Amino acid sequence: MKFKEIEFIGSYKSLDKMPADNLPEVAFIGRSNVGKSSIINNVLNAKVAKTSSTPGKTQLINFFKINKKFYIVDLPGYGYAQVAIAIKKEWEKFIETYLRERSSLKIIVLLLDIRREPNAHDRMLSEWIKSLPTISPIIVLTKSDKVSRNDIFKNKVRIAKDLYISQHDILIHSSLSGDGRFDLIKKINSLLEPREMPAIEEGESDETNDSDEALL
């Protein structure tokens, strides 16, 4: 499964400099070290999002145009304790402004490490996203390859209860194995379909990840 065209548009620190073409945006957000860049690269099947060994390093919002029809938006990771307080506050305010005021933002993909208990930031963000009438949330548990199959189920149930959501609303993903890639793409497409975005062709599955089928 391949995307026909992926274009890095730019990195931004103010809303007024961001793309103004009003294409729908799918934003990925999560704690520092949750594997955000890795999951974006896995979904797109291309190394476009830069990974860093230093948590909290990225402080810009990165835009990638997909097939000239929508954007994948890579938001800075949150919650890294070693960032200076003044920088952290400015950073968090910037992210909040984007999430609250960006009219072209349509989907927020909240990433949580399947091994970790949701913290206050995670719970607050989950509740806040659910309260936004124009935003469709997707919850994804990352790094599923780090736990056993039994723990995947147990942790999914536990995290669902912690966030007051149904476990059926949570997706599982591993950037290492690619498990869950198709489910995430299918979910994004299903939410973009009402906005006249292309859907994945019927009959594809995770087993076809290496095929030459493309999203049109």
N, C-alpha and C. Protein backbone atom coordinates (compact mmCIF):
# COMPACT_ATOMS: atom_id res chain seq x y z
N MET A 1 0.85 -1.19 0.00
CA MET A 1 0.00 0.00 0.00
C MET A 1 0.89 1.24 0.00
N LYS A 2 0.75 2.06 -1.00
CA LYS A 2 1.62 3.22 -1.12
C LYS A 2 0.81 4.49 -1.39
N PHE A 3 1.33 5.61 -0.93
CA PHE A 3 0.73 6.89 -1.24
C PHE A 3 1.41 7.44 -2.49
N LYS A 4 0.61 7.96 -3.39
CA LYS A 4 1.17 8.42 -4.66
C LYS A 4 2.12 9.59 -4.50
N GLU A 5 1.76 10.53 -3.60
CA GLU A 5 2.58 11.73 -3.49
C GLU A 5 2.60 12.22 -2.05
N ILE A 6 3.80 12.38 -1.51
CA ILE A 6 4.00 12.92 -0.16
C ILE A 6 4.95 14.09 -0.28
N GLU A 7 4.51 15.25 0.17
CA GLU A 7 5.32 16.46 0.03
C GLU A 7 5.46 17.17 1.37
N PHE A 8 6.71 17.35 1.81
CA PHE A 8 6.93 18.15 3.02
C PHE A 8 6.72 19.62 2.67
N ILE A 9 5.79 20.26 3.38
CA ILE A 9 5.43 21.65 3.08
C ILE A 9 6.24 22.63 3.90
N GLY A 10 6.43 22.34 5.19
CA GLY A 10 7.21 23.25 6.02
C GLY A 10 6.99 23.02 7.50
N SER A 11 7.80 23.71 8.31
CA SER A 11 7.70 23.69 9.77
C SER A 11 7.29 25.08 10.23
N TYR A 12 6.35 25.14 11.17
CA TYR A 12 5.75 26.43 11.52
C TYR A 12 5.69 26.63 13.03
N LYS A 13 5.79 27.90 13.42
CA LYS A 13 5.62 28.25 14.82
C LYS A 13 4.57 29.34 15.01
N SER A 14 3.79 29.61 13.95
CA SER A 14 2.66 30.54 14.06
C SER A 14 1.59 30.13 13.07
N LEU A 15 0.33 30.31 13.46
CA LEU A 15 -0.78 29.88 12.63
C LEU A 15 -0.86 30.65 11.32
N ASP A 16 -0.51 31.92 11.34
CA ASP A 16 -0.69 32.74 10.15
C ASP A 16 0.29 32.38 9.03
N LYS A 17 1.30 31.58 9.33
CA LYS A 17 2.25 31.15 8.30
C LYS A 17 1.90 29.78 7.71
N MET A 18 0.94 29.10 8.31
CA MET A 18 0.58 27.75 7.88
C MET A 18 -0.18 27.78 6.56
N PRO A 19 -0.24 26.63 5.85
CA PRO A 19 -0.94 26.58 4.57
C PRO A 19 -2.36 27.13 4.66
N ALA A 20 -2.74 27.87 3.62
CA ALA A 20 -4.05 28.54 3.63
C ALA A 20 -5.01 27.95 2.61
N ASP A 21 -4.71 26.74 2.10
CA ASP A 21 -5.57 26.16 1.06
C ASP A 21 -6.78 25.43 1.62
N ASN A 22 -6.89 25.37 2.96
CA ASN A 22 -8.06 24.80 3.64
C ASN A 22 -8.26 23.31 3.38
N LEU A 23 -7.21 22.59 2.99
CA LEU A 23 -7.32 21.14 2.90
C LEU A 23 -7.43 20.56 4.31
N PRO A 24 -8.17 19.46 4.49
CA PRO A 24 -8.32 18.89 5.82
C PRO A 24 -6.99 18.42 6.39
N GLU A 25 -6.86 18.55 7.71
CA GLU A 25 -5.62 18.20 8.39
C GLU A 25 -5.85 17.09 9.40
N VAL A 26 -4.92 16.14 9.42
CA VAL A 26 -4.93 15.03 10.36
C VAL A 26 -3.71 15.19 11.25
N ALA A 27 -3.91 15.59 12.50
CA ALA A 27 -2.80 15.92 13.39
C ALA A 27 -2.48 14.75 14.31
N PHE A 28 -1.19 14.44 14.44
CA PHE A 28 -0.71 13.40 15.35
C PHE A 28 -0.10 14.08 16.58
N ILE A 29 -0.54 13.66 17.76
CA ILE A 29 -0.05 14.26 18.99
C ILE A 29 0.14 13.19 20.05
N GLY A 30 1.12 13.39 20.92
CA GLY A 30 1.37 12.44 22.00
C GLY A 30 2.54 12.90 22.85
N ARG A 31 2.75 12.18 23.93
CA ARG A 31 3.87 12.47 24.81
C ARG A 31 5.20 12.32 24.08
N SER A 32 6.20 13.04 24.56
CA SER A 32 7.55 12.84 24.03
C SER A 32 7.94 11.37 24.19
N ASN A 33 8.58 10.82 23.18
CA ASN A 33 9.02 9.42 23.18
C ASN A 33 7.89 8.41 23.02
N VAL A 34 6.71 8.85 22.56
CA VAL A 34 5.61 7.92 22.34
C VAL A 34 5.75 7.19 21.00
N GLY A 35 6.68 7.68 20.16
CA GLY A 35 6.89 7.06 18.85
C GLY A 35 6.10 7.73 17.75
N LYS A 36 5.87 9.03 17.90
CA LYS A 36 5.02 9.77 16.95
C LYS A 36 5.63 9.81 15.55
N SER A 37 6.88 10.19 15.45
CA SER A 37 7.52 10.25 14.13
C SER A 37 7.56 8.88 13.47
N SER A 38 7.81 7.85 14.27
CA SER A 38 7.89 6.49 13.73
C SER A 38 6.55 6.03 13.18
N ILE A 39 5.46 6.35 13.86
CA ILE A 39 4.16 5.91 13.38
C ILE A 39 3.76 6.68 12.12
N ILE A 40 4.11 7.96 12.04
CA ILE A 40 3.83 8.72 10.82
C ILE A 40 4.60 8.12 9.64
N ASN A 41 5.88 7.81 9.86
CA ASN A 41 6.68 7.20 8.80
C ASN A 41 6.13 5.84 8.39
N ASN A 42 5.66 5.07 9.38
CA ASN A 42 5.11 3.76 9.07
C ASN A 42 3.80 3.86 8.29
N VAL A 43 2.93 4.76 8.69
CA VAL A 43 1.66 4.95 8.00
C VAL A 43 1.89 5.37 6.55
N LEU A 44 2.81 6.30 6.35
CA LEU A 44 3.07 6.81 5.01
C LEU A 44 4.02 5.92 4.21
N ASN A 45 4.62 4.94 4.90
CA ASN A 45 5.59 4.04 4.26
C ASN A 45 6.73 4.84 3.63
N ALA A 46 7.17 5.86 4.36
CA ALA A 46 8.26 6.72 3.90
C ALA A 46 8.88 7.41 5.11
N LYS A 47 10.18 7.64 5.07
CA LYS A 47 10.86 8.31 6.18
C LYS A 47 10.81 9.82 5.98
N VAL A 48 9.67 10.39 6.36
CA VAL A 48 9.48 11.83 6.17
C VAL A 48 9.53 12.60 7.48
N ALA A 49 9.05 11.99 8.56
CA ALA A 49 9.08 12.64 9.87
C ALA A 49 10.39 12.31 10.56
N LYS A 50 11.10 13.34 11.00
CA LYS A 50 12.41 13.14 11.62
C LYS A 50 12.25 12.65 13.05
N THR A 51 13.01 11.60 13.38
CA THR A 51 13.03 11.10 14.74
C THR A 51 14.24 11.68 15.46
N SER A 52 14.10 11.85 16.77
CA SER A 52 15.19 12.43 17.55
C SER A 52 15.41 11.60 18.81
N SER A 53 16.67 11.43 19.17
CA SER A 53 17.00 10.72 20.41
C SER A 53 16.86 11.63 21.62
N THR A 54 16.61 12.91 21.38
CA THR A 54 16.45 13.89 22.45
C THR A 54 14.99 14.27 22.59
N PRO A 55 14.28 13.75 23.61
CA PRO A 55 12.87 14.09 23.78
C PRO A 55 12.69 15.59 23.96
N GLY A 56 11.62 16.12 23.41
CA GLY A 56 11.31 17.53 23.58
C GLY A 56 12.06 18.46 22.66
N LYS A 57 12.84 17.90 21.72
CA LYS A 57 13.66 18.74 20.85
C LYS A 57 12.81 19.48 19.82
N THR A 58 11.84 18.78 19.25
CA THR A 58 11.01 19.39 18.20
C THR A 58 10.00 20.35 18.81
N GLN A 59 10.00 21.59 18.36
CA GLN A 59 9.08 22.59 18.89
C GLN A 59 8.31 23.28 17.78
N LEU A 60 8.31 22.70 16.60
CA LEU A 60 7.59 23.25 15.46
C LEU A 60 6.51 22.28 15.02
N ILE A 61 5.53 22.79 14.28
CA ILE A 61 4.48 21.96 13.71
C ILE A 61 4.83 21.70 12.25
N ASN A 62 4.95 20.43 11.90
CA ASN A 62 5.38 20.03 10.56
C ASN A 62 4.20 19.57 9.71
N PHE A 63 4.14 20.06 8.47
CA PHE A 63 3.05 19.73 7.55
C PHE A 63 3.55 18.88 6.39
N PHE A 64 2.82 17.80 6.10
CA PHE A 64 3.09 16.95 4.95
C PHE A 64 1.81 16.86 4.12
N LYS A 65 1.89 17.25 2.86
CA LYS A 65 0.71 17.17 1.98
C LYS A 65 0.67 15.79 1.33
N ILE A 66 -0.49 15.15 1.44
CA ILE A 66 -0.66 13.78 0.96
C ILE A 66 -1.57 13.78 -0.27
N ASN A 67 -1.03 13.32 -1.39
CA ASN A 67 -1.79 13.21 -2.64
C ASN A 67 -2.49 14.51 -3.04
N LYS A 68 -1.95 15.63 -2.55
CA LYS A 68 -2.50 16.96 -2.84
C LYS A 68 -3.94 17.12 -2.35
N LYS A 69 -4.34 16.27 -1.37
CA LYS A 69 -5.73 16.28 -0.95
C LYS A 69 -5.93 16.50 0.55
N PHE A 70 -4.93 16.20 1.37
CA PHE A 70 -5.03 16.47 2.80
C PHE A 70 -3.63 16.53 3.39
N TYR A 71 -3.56 16.96 4.65
CA TYR A 71 -2.27 17.09 5.33
C TYR A 71 -2.17 16.11 6.50
N ILE A 72 -0.99 15.53 6.67
CA ILE A 72 -0.60 14.91 7.92
C ILE A 72 0.20 15.96 8.68
N VAL A 73 -0.18 16.22 9.93
CA VAL A 73 0.45 17.27 10.72
C VAL A 73 1.14 16.63 11.93
N ASP A 74 2.43 16.87 12.04
CA ASP A 74 3.26 16.32 13.12
C ASP A 74 3.43 17.39 14.19
N LEU A 75 2.73 17.20 15.32
CA LEU A 75 2.80 18.17 16.41
C LEU A 75 3.94 17.84 17.37
N PRO A 76 4.49 18.85 18.05
CA PRO A 76 5.55 18.58 19.04
C PRO A 76 5.05 17.67 20.15
N GLY A 77 5.93 16.81 20.66
CA GLY A 77 5.57 15.99 21.80
C GLY A 77 5.41 16.84 23.05
N TYR A 78 4.56 16.38 23.95
CA TYR A 78 4.31 17.16 25.17
C TYR A 78 4.78 16.39 26.40
N GLY A 79 4.96 17.13 27.50
CA GLY A 79 5.20 16.51 28.79
C GLY A 79 6.64 16.20 29.13
N TYR A 80 7.60 16.65 28.31
CA TYR A 80 9.00 16.35 28.63
C TYR A 80 9.48 17.27 29.74
N ALA A 81 9.89 16.69 30.87
CA ALA A 81 10.18 17.45 32.08
C ALA A 81 11.43 18.32 31.98
N GLN A 82 12.37 17.96 31.09
CA GLN A 82 13.64 18.67 31.05
C GLN A 82 13.61 19.96 30.24
N VAL A 83 12.48 20.25 29.60
CA VAL A 83 12.36 21.50 28.86
C VAL A 83 12.16 22.64 29.84
N ALA A 84 12.84 23.76 29.61
CA ALA A 84 12.71 24.92 30.49
C ALA A 84 11.24 25.33 30.61
N ILE A 85 10.83 25.75 31.80
CA ILE A 85 9.42 26.05 32.08
C ILE A 85 8.87 27.11 31.13
N ALA A 86 9.63 28.16 30.91
CA ALA A 86 9.16 29.25 30.04
C ALA A 86 8.93 28.75 28.62
N ILE A 87 9.87 27.92 28.13
CA ILE A 87 9.74 27.36 26.78
C ILE A 87 8.56 26.41 26.73
N LYS A 88 8.39 25.59 27.78
CA LYS A 88 7.29 24.63 27.81
C LYS A 88 5.94 25.34 27.76
N LYS A 89 5.79 26.42 28.51
CA LYS A 89 4.52 27.15 28.52
C LYS A 89 4.22 27.76 27.16
N GLU A 90 5.24 28.34 26.54
CA GLU A 90 5.05 28.93 25.21
C GLU A 90 4.69 27.85 24.19
N TRP A 91 5.35 26.74 24.29
CA TRP A 91 5.17 25.59 23.42
C TRP A 91 3.75 25.04 23.56
N GLU A 92 3.30 24.82 24.82
CA GLU A 92 1.97 24.28 25.06
C GLU A 92 0.88 25.25 24.61
N LYS A 93 1.12 26.53 24.78
CA LYS A 93 0.16 27.53 24.33
C LYS A 93 0.03 27.50 22.81
N PHE A 94 1.14 27.33 22.12
CA PHE A 94 1.15 27.25 20.66
C PHE A 94 0.34 26.05 20.18
N ILE A 95 0.58 24.88 20.80
CA ILE A 95 -0.16 23.68 20.42
C ILE A 95 -1.65 23.86 20.69
N GLU A 96 -1.98 24.39 21.86
CA GLU A 96 -3.40 24.60 22.20
C GLU A 96 -4.07 25.55 21.23
N THR A 97 -3.36 26.60 20.84
CA THR A 97 -3.92 27.56 19.88
C THR A 97 -4.20 26.87 18.55
N TYR A 98 -3.28 26.05 18.10
CA TYR A 98 -3.49 25.31 16.85
C TYR A 98 -4.70 24.40 16.96
N LEU A 99 -4.78 23.62 18.03
CA LEU A 99 -5.88 22.67 18.19
C LEU A 99 -7.23 23.37 18.32
N ARG A 100 -7.23 24.52 18.96
CA ARG A 100 -8.49 25.22 19.22
C ARG A 100 -8.95 26.07 18.03
N GLU A 101 -8.01 26.67 17.31
CA GLU A 101 -8.38 27.69 16.33
C GLU A 101 -8.20 27.29 14.88
N ARG A 102 -7.52 26.20 14.60
CA ARG A 102 -7.25 25.82 13.21
C ARG A 102 -8.51 25.21 12.59
N SER A 103 -9.18 25.94 11.74
CA SER A 103 -10.47 25.51 11.19
C SER A 103 -10.35 24.31 10.26
N SER A 104 -9.20 24.13 9.64
CA SER A 104 -9.02 23.01 8.71
C SER A 104 -8.61 21.71 9.41
N LEU A 105 -8.40 21.78 10.72
CA LEU A 105 -8.08 20.57 11.48
C LEU A 105 -9.34 19.72 11.63
N LYS A 106 -9.30 18.50 11.15
CA LYS A 106 -10.48 17.64 11.15
C LYS A 106 -10.33 16.39 12.00
N ILE A 107 -9.11 15.87 12.12
CA ILE A 107 -8.88 14.64 12.88
C ILE A 107 -7.66 14.82 13.78
N ILE A 108 -7.78 14.40 15.03
CA ILE A 108 -6.64 14.38 15.95
C ILE A 108 -6.37 12.93 16.33
N VAL A 109 -5.15 12.47 16.04
CA VAL A 109 -4.73 11.13 16.40
C VAL A 109 -3.91 11.24 17.69
N LEU A 110 -4.50 10.81 18.80
CA LEU A 110 -3.83 10.86 20.10
C LEU A 110 -3.09 9.55 20.32
N LEU A 111 -1.77 9.65 20.48
CA LEU A 111 -0.92 8.47 20.63
C LEU A 111 -0.56 8.26 22.09
N LEU A 112 -0.72 7.03 22.56
CA LEU A 112 -0.39 6.66 23.93
C LEU A 112 0.47 5.40 23.91
N ASP A 113 1.50 5.38 24.73
CA ASP A 113 2.36 4.20 24.85
C ASP A 113 1.57 3.11 25.56
N ILE A 114 1.44 1.96 24.93
CA ILE A 114 0.62 0.88 25.49
C ILE A 114 1.16 0.38 26.82
N ARG A 115 2.42 0.65 27.13
CA ARG A 115 3.04 0.17 28.37
C ARG A 115 2.81 1.12 29.54
N ARG A 116 2.34 2.33 29.26
CA ARG A 116 2.27 3.37 30.29
C ARG A 116 0.84 3.69 30.71
N GLU A 117 0.69 4.05 31.97
CA GLU A 117 -0.59 4.59 32.44
C GLU A 117 -0.78 5.97 31.84
N PRO A 118 -1.98 6.30 31.38
CA PRO A 118 -2.22 7.68 30.93
C PRO A 118 -1.96 8.65 32.07
N ASN A 119 -1.22 9.73 31.79
CA ASN A 119 -0.97 10.72 32.83
C ASN A 119 -1.99 11.85 32.74
N ALA A 120 -1.80 12.88 33.54
CA ALA A 120 -2.77 13.98 33.58
C ALA A 120 -2.89 14.66 32.23
N HIS A 121 -1.76 14.84 31.53
CA HIS A 121 -1.79 15.46 30.20
C HIS A 121 -2.62 14.62 29.23
N ASP A 122 -2.39 13.31 29.26
CA ASP A 122 -3.11 12.40 28.36
C ASP A 122 -4.62 12.46 28.61
N ARG A 123 -5.00 12.38 29.88
CA ARG A 123 -6.43 12.38 30.22
C ARG A 123 -7.08 13.70 29.87
N MET A 124 -6.39 14.79 30.17
CA MET A 124 -6.94 16.11 29.87
C MET A 124 -7.11 16.30 28.37
N LEU A 125 -6.11 15.88 27.60
CA LEU A 125 -6.18 16.04 26.15
C LEU A 125 -7.27 15.16 25.56
N SER A 126 -7.41 13.94 26.07
CA SER A 126 -8.46 13.04 25.59
C SER A 126 -9.84 13.64 25.81
N GLU A 127 -10.07 14.17 27.01
CA GLU A 127 -11.37 14.78 27.32
C GLU A 127 -11.60 16.02 26.47
N TRP A 128 -10.57 16.80 26.30
CA TRP A 128 -10.71 18.05 25.55
C TRP A 128 -11.02 17.77 24.08
N ILE A 129 -10.31 16.80 23.50
CA ILE A 129 -10.55 16.46 22.10
C ILE A 129 -11.98 15.99 21.90
N LYS A 130 -12.47 15.16 22.83
CA LYS A 130 -13.84 14.64 22.72
C LYS A 130 -14.88 15.75 22.79
N SER A 131 -14.51 16.87 23.40
CA SER A 131 -15.47 17.97 23.56
C SER A 131 -15.53 18.88 22.34
N LEU A 132 -14.61 18.72 21.39
CA LEU A 132 -14.58 19.59 20.22
C LEU A 132 -15.55 19.07 19.16
N PRO A 133 -16.59 19.84 18.83
CA PRO A 133 -17.64 19.33 17.94
C PRO A 133 -17.21 19.09 16.50
N THR A 134 -16.17 19.79 16.05
CA THR A 134 -15.76 19.66 14.64
C THR A 134 -14.57 18.73 14.44
N ILE A 135 -14.12 18.10 15.53
CA ILE A 135 -12.93 17.25 15.47
C ILE A 135 -13.30 15.79 15.68
N SER A 136 -12.74 14.91 14.87
CA SER A 136 -12.90 13.46 15.05
C SER A 136 -11.64 12.92 15.73
N PRO A 137 -11.78 12.32 16.92
CA PRO A 137 -10.60 11.77 17.60
C PRO A 137 -10.31 10.32 17.22
N ILE A 138 -9.03 9.98 17.19
CA ILE A 138 -8.60 8.59 17.04
C ILE A 138 -7.57 8.33 18.13
N ILE A 139 -7.80 7.30 18.95
CA ILE A 139 -6.86 6.94 20.01
C ILE A 139 -6.06 5.72 19.54
N VAL A 140 -4.73 5.83 19.58
CA VAL A 140 -3.86 4.74 19.14
C VAL A 140 -2.86 4.40 20.24
N LEU A 141 -2.77 3.12 20.58
CA LEU A 141 -1.76 2.65 21.52
C LEU A 141 -0.55 2.18 20.73
N THR A 142 0.58 2.82 20.97
CA THR A 142 1.80 2.54 20.21
C THR A 142 2.67 1.49 20.90
N LYS A 143 3.68 1.03 20.16
CA LYS A 143 4.72 0.12 20.68
C LYS A 143 4.14 -1.20 21.17
N SER A 144 3.15 -1.72 20.44
CA SER A 144 2.52 -2.98 20.85
C SER A 144 3.48 -4.16 20.78
N ASP A 145 4.57 -4.01 20.02
CA ASP A 145 5.56 -5.09 19.94
C ASP A 145 6.36 -5.23 21.23
N LYS A 146 6.23 -4.27 22.14
CA LYS A 146 7.00 -4.29 23.39
C LYS A 146 6.30 -5.10 24.48
N VAL A 147 5.07 -5.55 24.24
CA VAL A 147 4.33 -6.30 25.25
C VAL A 147 3.78 -7.58 24.63
N SER A 148 3.37 -8.52 25.48
CA SER A 148 2.80 -9.78 25.00
C SER A 148 1.39 -9.56 24.47
N ARG A 149 0.89 -10.53 23.73
CA ARG A 149 -0.47 -10.44 23.20
C ARG A 149 -1.49 -10.32 24.34
N ASN A 150 -1.24 -11.05 25.42
CA ASN A 150 -2.15 -10.99 26.56
C ASN A 150 -2.15 -9.61 27.18
N ASP A 151 -0.96 -9.00 27.29
CA ASP A 151 -0.85 -7.66 27.87
C ASP A 151 -1.44 -6.60 26.94
N ILE A 152 -1.39 -6.83 25.63
CA ILE A 152 -2.03 -5.90 24.71
C ILE A 152 -3.50 -5.76 25.06
N PHE A 153 -4.18 -6.89 25.25
CA PHE A 153 -5.61 -6.87 25.57
C PHE A 153 -5.84 -6.23 26.94
N LYS A 154 -5.08 -6.66 27.95
CA LYS A 154 -5.27 -6.14 29.31
C LYS A 154 -5.02 -4.64 29.38
N ASN A 155 -3.94 -4.19 28.74
CA ASN A 155 -3.61 -2.77 28.79
C ASN A 155 -4.62 -1.94 28.01
N LYS A 156 -5.13 -2.48 26.92
CA LYS A 156 -6.15 -1.77 26.14
C LYS A 156 -7.40 -1.55 26.98
N VAL A 157 -7.83 -2.59 27.69
CA VAL A 157 -9.01 -2.48 28.55
C VAL A 157 -8.76 -1.47 29.67
N ARG A 158 -7.59 -1.56 30.29
CA ARG A 158 -7.26 -0.66 31.39
C ARG A 158 -7.22 0.80 30.95
N ILE A 159 -6.58 1.06 29.82
CA ILE A 159 -6.47 2.44 29.33
C ILE A 159 -7.83 2.97 28.91
N ALA A 160 -8.66 2.12 28.31
CA ALA A 160 -10.01 2.54 27.93
C ALA A 160 -10.81 2.97 29.15
N LYS A 161 -10.71 2.21 30.23
CA LYS A 161 -11.42 2.56 31.46
C LYS A 161 -10.88 3.87 32.03
N ASP A 162 -9.58 4.03 31.98
CA ASP A 162 -8.95 5.24 32.52
C ASP A 162 -9.40 6.49 31.76
N LEU A 163 -9.63 6.35 30.45
CA LEU A 163 -10.01 7.50 29.62
C LEU A 163 -11.52 7.59 29.42
N TYR A 164 -12.27 6.68 30.04
CA TYR A 164 -13.74 6.67 29.93
C TYR A 164 -14.20 6.56 28.48
N ILE A 165 -13.58 5.64 27.76
CA ILE A 165 -13.98 5.38 26.38
C ILE A 165 -14.11 3.87 26.19
N SER A 166 -14.75 3.48 25.10
CA SER A 166 -14.88 2.06 24.79
C SER A 166 -13.56 1.52 24.25
N GLN A 167 -13.22 0.30 24.65
CA GLN A 167 -11.99 -0.31 24.12
C GLN A 167 -12.07 -0.49 22.61
N HIS A 168 -13.30 -0.54 22.08
CA HIS A 168 -13.48 -0.70 20.63
C HIS A 168 -13.11 0.58 19.87
N ASP A 169 -12.96 1.68 20.60
CA ASP A 169 -12.57 2.95 19.97
C ASP A 169 -11.06 3.15 19.97
N ILE A 170 -10.33 2.15 20.45
CA ILE A 170 -8.87 2.25 20.54
C ILE A 170 -8.22 1.34 19.50
N LEU A 171 -7.25 1.88 18.78
CA LEU A 171 -6.48 1.10 17.82
C LEU A 171 -5.12 0.72 18.41
N ILE A 172 -4.57 -0.37 17.94
CA ILE A 172 -3.27 -0.86 18.38
C ILE A 172 -2.29 -0.76 17.22
N HIS A 173 -1.05 -0.34 17.51
CA HIS A 173 -0.09 -0.16 16.42
C HIS A 173 1.33 -0.49 16.87
N SER A 174 2.10 -1.02 15.94
CA SER A 174 3.54 -1.22 16.13
C SER A 174 4.26 -0.70 14.91
N SER A 175 5.11 0.29 15.09
CA SER A 175 5.90 0.80 13.97
C SER A 175 6.97 -0.20 13.55
N LEU A 176 7.38 -1.05 14.48
CA LEU A 176 8.42 -2.03 14.18
C LEU A 176 7.90 -3.12 13.25
N SER A 177 6.74 -3.67 13.57
CA SER A 177 6.18 -4.77 12.77
C SER A 177 5.21 -4.30 11.70
N GLY A 178 4.67 -3.08 11.88
CA GLY A 178 3.66 -2.59 10.95
C GLY A 178 2.26 -3.02 11.31
N ASP A 179 2.10 -3.81 12.38
CA ASP A 179 0.77 -4.23 12.80
C ASP A 179 -0.09 -3.01 13.11
N GLY A 180 -1.31 -3.02 12.60
CA GLY A 180 -2.24 -1.93 12.86
C GLY A 180 -2.18 -0.81 11.86
N ARG A 181 -1.23 -0.88 10.93
CA ARG A 181 -1.09 0.21 9.94
C ARG A 181 -2.35 0.36 9.10
N PHE A 182 -2.83 -0.75 8.56
CA PHE A 182 -4.00 -0.68 7.70
C PHE A 182 -5.22 -0.19 8.48
N ASP A 183 -5.39 -0.66 9.72
CA ASP A 183 -6.54 -0.25 10.53
C ASP A 183 -6.54 1.26 10.74
N LEU A 184 -5.36 1.83 10.97
CA LEU A 184 -5.28 3.27 11.19
C LEU A 184 -5.58 4.03 9.91
N ILE A 185 -5.01 3.59 8.79
CA ILE A 185 -5.29 4.25 7.51
C ILE A 185 -6.77 4.16 7.18
N LYS A 186 -7.35 2.98 7.40
CA LYS A 186 -8.78 2.78 7.11
C LYS A 186 -9.64 3.70 7.97
N LYS A 187 -9.26 3.87 9.24
CA LYS A 187 -10.02 4.75 10.14
C LYS A 187 -9.92 6.19 9.68
N ILE A 188 -8.73 6.64 9.33
CA ILE A 188 -8.56 8.01 8.84
C ILE A 188 -9.38 8.23 7.58
N ASN A 189 -9.31 7.29 6.65
CA ASN A 189 -10.07 7.43 5.41
C ASN A 189 -11.57 7.46 5.65
N SER A 190 -12.04 6.64 6.59
CA SER A 190 -13.47 6.59 6.87
C SER A 190 -13.97 7.92 7.43
N LEU A 191 -13.11 8.61 8.17
CA LEU A 191 -13.49 9.91 8.73
C LEU A 191 -13.36 11.02 7.70
N LEU A 192 -12.50 10.84 6.71
CA LEU A 192 -12.34 11.84 5.66
C LEU A 192 -13.33 11.65 4.52
N GLU A 193 -13.89 10.46 4.39
CA GLU A 193 -14.83 10.18 3.30
C GLU A 193 -15.98 11.17 3.21
N PRO A 194 -16.62 11.54 4.33
CA PRO A 194 -17.71 12.52 4.22
C PRO A 194 -17.27 13.85 3.63
N ARG A 195 -15.96 14.08 3.69
CA ARG A 195 -15.42 15.32 3.12
C ARG A 195 -14.90 15.06 1.71
N GLU A 196 -15.42 14.01 1.09
CA GLU A 196 -15.11 13.67 -0.29
C GLU A 196 -13.64 13.29 -0.48
N MET A 197 -13.08 12.62 0.55
CA MET A 197 -11.73 12.10 0.42
C MET A 197 -11.80 10.66 -0.06
N PRO A 198 -10.76 10.17 -0.72
CA PRO A 198 -10.79 8.81 -1.25
C PRO A 198 -10.69 7.77 -0.15
N ALA A 199 -11.42 6.68 -0.31
CA ALA A 199 -11.34 5.58 0.64
C ALA A 199 -10.42 4.50 0.09
N ILE A 200 -9.91 3.67 0.98
CA ILE A 200 -9.10 2.53 0.56
C ILE A 200 -10.01 1.53 -0.14
N GLU A 201 -9.53 0.91 -1.18
CA GLU A 201 -10.34 -0.03 -1.93
C GLU A 201 -10.73 -1.22 -1.05
N GLU A 202 -11.93 -1.74 -1.28
CA GLU A 202 -12.41 -2.89 -0.53
C GLU A 202 -11.49 -4.09 -0.75
N GLY A 203 -11.36 -4.90 0.32
CA GLY A 203 -10.63 -6.15 0.17
C GLY A 203 -9.18 -6.08 0.60
N GLU A 204 -8.64 -4.86 0.86
CA GLU A 204 -7.26 -4.77 1.32
C GLU A 204 -7.19 -5.10 2.80
N SER A 205 -6.04 -5.50 3.26
CA SER A 205 -5.83 -5.81 4.67
C SER A 205 -4.39 -5.54 5.01
N ASP A 206 -4.03 -5.76 6.28
CA ASP A 206 -2.64 -5.56 6.68
C ASP A 206 -1.69 -6.46 5.91
N GLU A 207 -2.20 -7.57 5.40
CA GLU A 207 -1.34 -8.50 4.68
C GLU A 207 -0.93 -7.96 3.32
N THR A 208 -1.56 -6.85 2.87
CA THR A 208 -1.24 -6.30 1.55
C THR A 208 -0.38 -5.06 1.65
N ASN A 209 0.29 -4.88 2.80
CA ASN A 209 1.07 -3.66 3.01
C ASN A 209 2.16 -3.47 1.98
N ASP A 210 2.66 -4.54 1.40
CA ASP A 210 3.76 -4.43 0.45
C ASP A 210 3.29 -4.41 -0.99
N SER A 211 1.99 -4.34 -1.21
CA SER A 211 1.49 -4.34 -2.57
C SER A 211 1.69 -2.98 -3.20
N ASP A 212 1.41 -2.91 -4.50
CA ASP A 212 1.55 -1.65 -5.22
C ASP A 212 0.24 -0.89 -5.29
N GLU A 213 -0.78 -1.32 -4.50
CA GLU A 213 -2.04 -0.60 -4.49
C GLU A 213 -1.81 0.78 -3.89
N ALA A 214 -2.49 1.77 -4.41
CA ALA A 214 -2.30 3.14 -3.92
C ALA A 214 -3.63 3.75 -3.56
N LEU A 215 -3.58 4.70 -2.64
CA LEU A 215 -4.76 5.53 -2.40
C LEU A 215 -4.83 6.53 -3.53
N LEU A 216 -5.98 6.63 -4.15
CA LEU A 216 -6.12 7.48 -5.34
C LEU A 216 -6.35 8.93 -4.95
